[in-house]
PDB file of all heavy atoms in Angstrom:
ATOM      1  N   ARG A   1     145.146 -72.894 -25.720  1.00  0.00           N
ATOM      2  CA  ARG A   1     144.083 -72.398 -26.583  1.00  0.00           C
ATOM      3  C   ARG A   1     143.835 -73.383 -27.733  1.00  0.00           C
ATOM      4  O   ARG A   1     144.742 -73.776 -28.438  1.00  0.00           O
ATOM      5  CB  ARG A   1     144.455 -71.032 -27.148  1.00  0.00           C
ATOM      6  CG  ARG A   1     143.312 -70.348 -27.868  1.00  0.00           C
ATOM      7  CD  ARG A   1     143.648 -68.906 -28.173  1.00  0.00           C
ATOM      8  NE  ARG A   1     144.695 -68.798 -29.171  1.00  0.00           N
ATOM      9  CZ  ARG A   1     145.372 -67.687 -29.423  1.00  0.00           C
ATOM     10  NH1 ARG A   1     145.150 -66.603 -28.704  1.00  0.00           N
ATOM     11  NH2 ARG A   1     146.300 -67.665 -30.355  1.00  0.00           N
ATOM     12  N   GLN A   2     142.568 -73.763 -27.901  1.00  0.00           N
ATOM     13  CA  GLN A   2     142.187 -74.698 -28.951  1.00  0.00           C
ATOM     14  C   GLN A   2     141.510 -74.002 -30.131  1.00  0.00           C
ATOM     15  O   GLN A   2     141.473 -74.536 -31.235  1.00  0.00           O
ATOM     16  CB  GLN A   2     141.241 -75.766 -28.383  1.00  0.00           C
ATOM     17  CG  GLN A   2     141.754 -76.476 -27.157  1.00  0.00           C
ATOM     18  CD  GLN A   2     142.994 -77.300 -27.439  1.00  0.00           C
ATOM     19  OE1 GLN A   2     143.359 -77.521 -28.578  1.00  0.00           O
ATOM     20  NE2 GLN A   2     143.665 -77.745 -26.378  1.00  0.00           N
ATOM     21  N   TYR A   3     140.954 -72.817 -29.877  1.00  0.00           N
ATOM     22  CA  TYR A   3     140.251 -72.104 -30.954  1.00  0.00           C
ATOM     23  C   TYR A   3     140.170 -70.622 -30.609  1.00  0.00           C
ATOM     24  O   TYR A   3     140.011 -70.249 -29.447  1.00  0.00           O
ATOM     25  CB  TYR A   3     138.832 -72.646 -31.117  1.00  0.00           C
ATOM     26  CG  TYR A   3     137.964 -71.823 -32.042  1.00  0.00           C
ATOM     27  CD1 TYR A   3     138.020 -72.001 -33.422  1.00  0.00           C
ATOM     28  CD2 TYR A   3     137.103 -70.854 -31.536  1.00  0.00           C
ATOM     29  CE1 TYR A   3     137.237 -71.230 -34.272  1.00  0.00           C
ATOM     30  CE2 TYR A   3     136.317 -70.083 -32.379  1.00  0.00           C
ATOM     31  CZ  TYR A   3     136.391 -70.280 -33.750  1.00  0.00           C
ATOM     32  OH  TYR A   3     135.625 -69.511 -34.579  1.00  0.00           O
ATOM     33  N   ILE A   4     140.297 -69.760 -31.624  1.00  0.00           N
ATOM     34  CA  ILE A   4     139.984 -68.345 -31.478  1.00  0.00           C
ATOM     35  C   ILE A   4     139.376 -67.869 -32.783  1.00  0.00           C
ATOM     36  O   ILE A   4     139.833 -68.245 -33.863  1.00  0.00           O
ATOM     37  CB  ILE A   4     141.222 -67.500 -31.094  1.00  0.00           C
ATOM     38  CG1 ILE A   4     140.788 -66.058 -30.794  1.00  0.00           C
ATOM     39  CG2 ILE A   4     142.297 -67.552 -32.170  1.00  0.00           C
ATOM     40  CD1 ILE A   4     141.868 -65.203 -30.148  1.00  0.00           C
ATOM     41  N   SER A   5     138.294 -67.094 -32.695  1.00  0.00           N
ATOM     42  CA  SER A   5     137.664 -66.558 -33.902  1.00  0.00           C
ATOM     43  C   SER A   5     138.516 -65.411 -34.447  1.00  0.00           C
ATOM     44  O   SER A   5     139.272 -64.774 -33.725  1.00  0.00           O
ATOM     45  CB  SER A   5     136.248 -66.074 -33.593  1.00  0.00           C
ATOM     46  OG  SER A   5     136.256 -65.108 -32.570  1.00  0.00           O
ATOM     47  N   THR A   6     138.358 -65.145 -35.723  1.00  0.00           N
ATOM     48  CA  THR A   6     139.182 -64.134 -36.380  1.00  0.00           C
ATOM     49  C   THR A   6     138.812 -62.738 -35.887  1.00  0.00           C
ATOM     50  O   THR A   6     137.649 -62.338 -35.933  1.00  0.00           O
ATOM     51  CB  THR A   6     138.999 -64.195 -37.904  1.00  0.00           C
ATOM     52  OG1 THR A   6     139.301 -65.522 -38.347  1.00  0.00           O
ATOM     53  CG2 THR A   6     139.905 -63.205 -38.603  1.00  0.00           C
ATOM     54  N   ALA A   7     139.800 -61.988 -35.404  1.00  0.00           N
ATOM     55  CA  ALA A   7     139.562 -60.637 -34.912  1.00  0.00           C
ATOM     56  C   ALA A   7     139.032 -59.751 -36.039  1.00  0.00           C
ATOM     57  O   ALA A   7     139.520 -59.799 -37.170  1.00  0.00           O
ATOM     58  CB  ALA A   7     140.841 -60.055 -34.352  1.00  0.00           C
ATOM     59  N   GLY A   8     138.012 -58.942 -35.744  1.00  0.00           N
ATOM     60  CA  GLY A   8     137.455 -58.014 -36.714  1.00  0.00           C
ATOM     61  C   GLY A   8     136.351 -58.576 -37.579  1.00  0.00           C
ATOM     62  O   GLY A   8     135.625 -57.824 -38.217  1.00  0.00           O
ATOM     63  N   SER A   9     136.187 -59.902 -37.601  1.00  0.00           N
ATOM     64  CA  SER A   9     135.146 -60.508 -38.443  1.00  0.00           C
ATOM     65  C   SER A   9     133.831 -60.621 -37.688  1.00  0.00           C
ATOM     66  O   SER A   9     133.784 -60.514 -36.470  1.00  0.00           O
ATOM     67  CB  SER A   9     135.591 -61.891 -38.919  1.00  0.00           C
ATOM     68  OG  SER A   9     135.694 -62.770 -37.801  1.00  0.00           O
ATOM     69  N   THR A  10     132.735 -60.829 -38.417  1.00  0.00           N
ATOM     70  CA  THR A  10     131.420 -61.061 -37.821  1.00  0.00           C
ATOM     71  C   THR A  10     130.758 -62.235 -38.532  1.00  0.00           C
ATOM     72  O   THR A  10     131.229 -62.691 -39.576  1.00  0.00           O
ATOM     73  CB  THR A  10     130.524 -59.818 -37.947  1.00  0.00           C
ATOM     74  OG1 THR A  10     130.351 -59.509 -39.343  1.00  0.00           O
ATOM     75  CG2 THR A  10     131.124 -58.625 -37.230  1.00  0.00           C
ATOM     76  N   GLY A  11     129.625 -62.710 -37.949  1.00  0.00           N
ATOM     77  CA  GLY A  11     128.871 -63.789 -38.575  1.00  0.00           C
ATOM     78  C   GLY A  11     128.932 -65.071 -37.775  1.00  0.00           C
ATOM     79  O   GLY A  11     129.412 -65.108 -36.637  1.00  0.00           O
ATOM     80  N   THR A  12     128.434 -66.168 -38.358  1.00  0.00           N
ATOM     81  CA  THR A  12     128.396 -67.472 -37.705  1.00  0.00           C
ATOM     82  C   THR A  12     129.365 -68.436 -38.378  1.00  0.00           C
ATOM     83  O   THR A  12     129.608 -68.357 -39.582  1.00  0.00           O
ATOM     84  CB  THR A  12     126.980 -68.069 -37.733  1.00  0.00           C
ATOM     85  OG1 THR A  12     126.556 -68.203 -39.098  1.00  0.00           O
ATOM     86  CG2 THR A  12     126.009 -67.182 -36.988  1.00  0.00           C
ATOM     87  N   THR A  13     129.904 -69.354 -37.557  1.00  0.00           N
ATOM     88  CA  THR A  13     130.874 -70.338 -38.041  1.00  0.00           C
ATOM     89  C   THR A  13     130.615 -71.671 -37.350  1.00  0.00           C
ATOM     90  O   THR A  13     130.364 -71.708 -36.139  1.00  0.00           O
ATOM     91  CB  THR A  13     132.319 -69.894 -37.726  1.00  0.00           C
ATOM     92  OG1 THR A  13     132.542 -68.593 -38.262  1.00  0.00           O
ATOM     93  CG2 THR A  13     133.333 -70.863 -38.324  1.00  0.00           C
ATOM     94  N   GLN A  14     130.671 -72.781 -38.100  1.00  0.00           N
ATOM     95  CA  GLN A  14     130.588 -74.112 -37.519  1.00  0.00           C
ATOM     96  C   GLN A  14     132.006 -74.561 -37.151  1.00  0.00           C
ATOM     97  O   GLN A  14     132.921 -74.445 -37.970  1.00  0.00           O
ATOM     98  CB  GLN A  14     129.984 -75.109 -38.515  1.00  0.00           C
ATOM     99  CG  GLN A  14     128.650 -74.681 -39.090  1.00  0.00           C
ATOM    100  CD  GLN A  14     127.572 -74.586 -38.035  1.00  0.00           C
ATOM    101  OE1 GLN A  14     127.469 -75.445 -37.160  1.00  0.00           O
ATOM    102  NE2 GLN A  14     126.760 -73.552 -38.123  1.00  0.00           N
ATOM    103  N   ILE A  15     132.192 -75.052 -35.922  1.00  0.00           N
ATOM    104  CA  ILE A  15     133.513 -75.501 -35.501  1.00  0.00           C
ATOM    105  C   ILE A  15     133.481 -76.963 -35.069  1.00  0.00           C
ATOM    106  O   ILE A  15     132.461 -77.473 -34.601  1.00  0.00           O
ATOM    107  CB  ILE A  15     134.087 -74.632 -34.357  1.00  0.00           C
ATOM    108  CG1 ILE A  15     133.208 -74.726 -33.104  1.00  0.00           C
ATOM    109  CG2 ILE A  15     134.240 -73.191 -34.809  1.00  0.00           C
ATOM    110  CD1 ILE A  15     133.841 -74.061 -31.880  1.00  0.00           C
ATOM    111  N   ASP A  16     134.599 -77.641 -35.237  1.00  0.00           N
ATOM    112  CA  ASP A  16     134.820 -79.008 -34.767  1.00  0.00           C
ATOM    113  C   ASP A  16     136.274 -79.041 -34.324  1.00  0.00           C
ATOM    114  O   ASP A  16     137.184 -79.113 -35.152  1.00  0.00           O
ATOM    115  CB  ASP A  16     134.552 -80.011 -35.887  1.00  0.00           C
ATOM    116  CG  ASP A  16     134.629 -81.458 -35.410  1.00  0.00           C
ATOM    117  OD1 ASP A  16     135.257 -81.710 -34.369  1.00  0.00           O
ATOM    118  OD2 ASP A  16     134.076 -82.341 -36.093  1.00  0.00           O
ATOM    119  N   ILE A  17     136.530 -78.949 -33.011  1.00  0.00           N
ATOM    120  CA  ILE A  17     137.882 -78.747 -32.507  1.00  0.00           C
ATOM    121  C   ILE A  17     138.268 -79.826 -31.505  1.00  0.00           C
ATOM    122  O   ILE A  17     137.420 -80.403 -30.835  1.00  0.00           O
ATOM    123  CB  ILE A  17     138.041 -77.362 -31.843  1.00  0.00           C
ATOM    124  CG1 ILE A  17     137.081 -77.216 -30.664  1.00  0.00           C
ATOM    125  CG2 ILE A  17     137.829 -76.249 -32.867  1.00  0.00           C
ATOM    126  CD1 ILE A  17     137.291 -75.943 -29.860  1.00  0.00           C
ATOM    127  N   SER A  18     139.562 -80.093 -31.399  1.00  0.00           N
ATOM    128  CA  SER A  18     140.091 -81.038 -30.422  1.00  0.00           C
ATOM    129  C   SER A  18     140.201 -80.372 -29.061  1.00  0.00           C
ATOM    130  O   SER A  18     140.520 -79.192 -28.945  1.00  0.00           O
ATOM    131  CB  SER A  18     141.469 -81.528 -30.868  1.00  0.00           C
ATOM    132  OG  SER A  18     142.095 -82.275 -29.835  1.00  0.00           O
ATOM    133  N   LEU A  19     139.925 -81.144 -27.989  1.00  0.00           N
ATOM    134  CA  LEU A  19     140.118 -80.680 -26.619  1.00  0.00           C
ATOM    135  C   LEU A  19     141.199 -81.486 -25.901  1.00  0.00           C
ATOM    136  O   LEU A  19     141.358 -81.395 -24.684  1.00  0.00           O
ATOM    137  CB  LEU A  19     138.801 -80.746 -25.845  1.00  0.00           C
ATOM    138  CG  LEU A  19     137.684 -79.842 -26.383  1.00  0.00           C
ATOM    139  CD1 LEU A  19     136.391 -80.075 -25.614  1.00  0.00           C
ATOM    140  CD2 LEU A  19     138.076 -78.377 -26.318  1.00  0.00           C
ATOM    141  N   ASP A  20     141.924 -82.321 -26.626  1.00  0.00           N
ATOM    142  CA  ASP A  20     143.117 -83.028 -26.137  1.00  0.00           C
ATOM    143  C   ASP A  20     142.857 -83.986 -24.983  1.00  0.00           C
ATOM    144  O   ASP A  20     143.764 -84.300 -24.220  1.00  0.00           O
ATOM    145  CB  ASP A  20     144.202 -82.021 -25.711  1.00  0.00           C
ATOM    146  CG  ASP A  20     144.804 -81.282 -26.909  1.00  0.00           C
ATOM    147  OD1 ASP A  20     144.624 -81.769 -28.038  1.00  0.00           O
ATOM    148  OD2 ASP A  20     145.435 -80.243 -26.702  1.00  0.00           O
ATOM    149  N   GLY A  21     141.619 -84.457 -24.808  1.00  0.00           N
ATOM    150  CA  GLY A  21     141.347 -85.405 -23.736  1.00  0.00           C
ATOM    151  C   GLY A  21     141.525 -84.840 -22.351  1.00  0.00           C
ATOM    152  O   GLY A  21     141.889 -85.561 -21.416  1.00  0.00           O
ATOM    153  N   LEU A  22     141.254 -83.522 -22.185  1.00  0.00           N
ATOM    154  CA  LEU A  22     141.434 -82.860 -20.894  1.00  0.00           C
ATOM    155  C   LEU A  22     140.082 -82.583 -20.234  1.00  0.00           C
ATOM    156  O   LEU A  22     139.084 -82.380 -20.924  1.00  0.00           O
ATOM    157  CB  LEU A  22     142.204 -81.546 -21.082  1.00  0.00           C
ATOM    158  CG  LEU A  22     143.612 -81.711 -21.676  1.00  0.00           C
ATOM    159  CD1 LEU A  22     144.253 -80.355 -21.924  1.00  0.00           C
ATOM    160  CD2 LEU A  22     144.487 -82.560 -20.773  1.00  0.00           C
ATOM    161  N   PRO A  23     140.016 -82.548 -18.886  1.00  0.00           N
ATOM    162  CA  PRO A  23     138.718 -82.458 -18.195  1.00  0.00           C
ATOM    163  C   PRO A  23     138.142 -81.060 -18.073  1.00  0.00           C
ATOM    164  O   PRO A  23     137.011 -80.909 -17.646  1.00  0.00           O
ATOM    165  CB  PRO A  23     139.015 -83.036 -16.813  1.00  0.00           C
ATOM    166  CG  PRO A  23     140.463 -82.749 -16.599  1.00  0.00           C
ATOM    167  CD  PRO A  23     141.113 -82.864 -17.942  1.00  0.00           C
ATOM    168  N   LYS A  24     138.909 -80.006 -18.405  1.00  0.00           N
ATOM    169  CA  LYS A  24     138.398 -78.646 -18.260  1.00  0.00           C
ATOM    170  C   LYS A  24     138.208 -78.002 -19.629  1.00  0.00           C
ATOM    171  O   LYS A  24     139.078 -78.059 -20.485  1.00  0.00           O
ATOM    172  CB  LYS A  24     139.363 -77.795 -17.435  1.00  0.00           C
ATOM    173  CG  LYS A  24     138.826 -76.387 -17.157  1.00  0.00           C
ATOM    174  CD  LYS A  24     139.768 -75.631 -16.245  1.00  0.00           C
ATOM    175  CE  LYS A  24     139.201 -74.273 -15.876  1.00  0.00           C
ATOM    176  NZ  LYS A  24     140.098 -73.523 -14.986  1.00  0.00           N
ATOM    177  N   VAL A  25     137.024 -77.374 -19.809  1.00  0.00           N
ATOM    178  CA  VAL A  25     136.717 -76.626 -21.024  1.00  0.00           C
ATOM    179  C   VAL A  25     136.418 -75.194 -20.625  1.00  0.00           C
ATOM    180  O   VAL A  25     135.645 -74.945 -19.703  1.00  0.00           O
ATOM    181  CB  VAL A  25     135.486 -77.218 -21.748  1.00  0.00           C
ATOM    182  CG1 VAL A  25     135.207 -76.440 -23.029  1.00  0.00           C
ATOM    183  CG2 VAL A  25     135.688 -78.686 -22.047  1.00  0.00           C
ATOM    184  N   MET A  26     137.043 -74.217 -21.308  1.00  0.00           N
ATOM    185  CA  MET A  26     136.817 -72.807 -21.030  1.00  0.00           C
ATOM    186  C   MET A  26     136.332 -72.106 -22.294  1.00  0.00           C
ATOM    187  O   MET A  26     136.882 -72.299 -23.373  1.00  0.00           O
ATOM    188  CB  MET A  26     138.115 -72.136 -20.553  1.00  0.00           C
ATOM    189  CG  MET A  26     138.678 -72.718 -19.286  1.00  0.00           C
ATOM    190  SD  MET A  26     140.280 -71.974 -18.879  1.00  0.00           S
ATOM    191  CE  MET A  26     139.790 -70.261 -18.679  1.00  0.00           C
ATOM    192  N   VAL A  27     135.288 -71.287 -22.158  1.00  0.00           N
ATOM    193  CA  VAL A  27     134.753 -70.471 -23.251  1.00  0.00           C
ATOM    194  C   VAL A  27     134.919 -69.011 -22.840  1.00  0.00           C
ATOM    195  O   VAL A  27     134.373 -68.587 -21.823  1.00  0.00           O
ATOM    196  CB  VAL A  27     133.276 -70.803 -23.515  1.00  0.00           C
ATOM    197  CG1 VAL A  27     132.707 -69.906 -24.606  1.00  0.00           C
ATOM    198  CG2 VAL A  27     133.124 -72.277 -23.895  1.00  0.00           C
TER     199      VAL A  27
END
């Protein structure tokens, strides 16, 4: 897991996260 939004919160957030140089991305 590279990112998880805060449970219980709402709204919009800008993210800039590492994916560790791996070929698969999951949302």
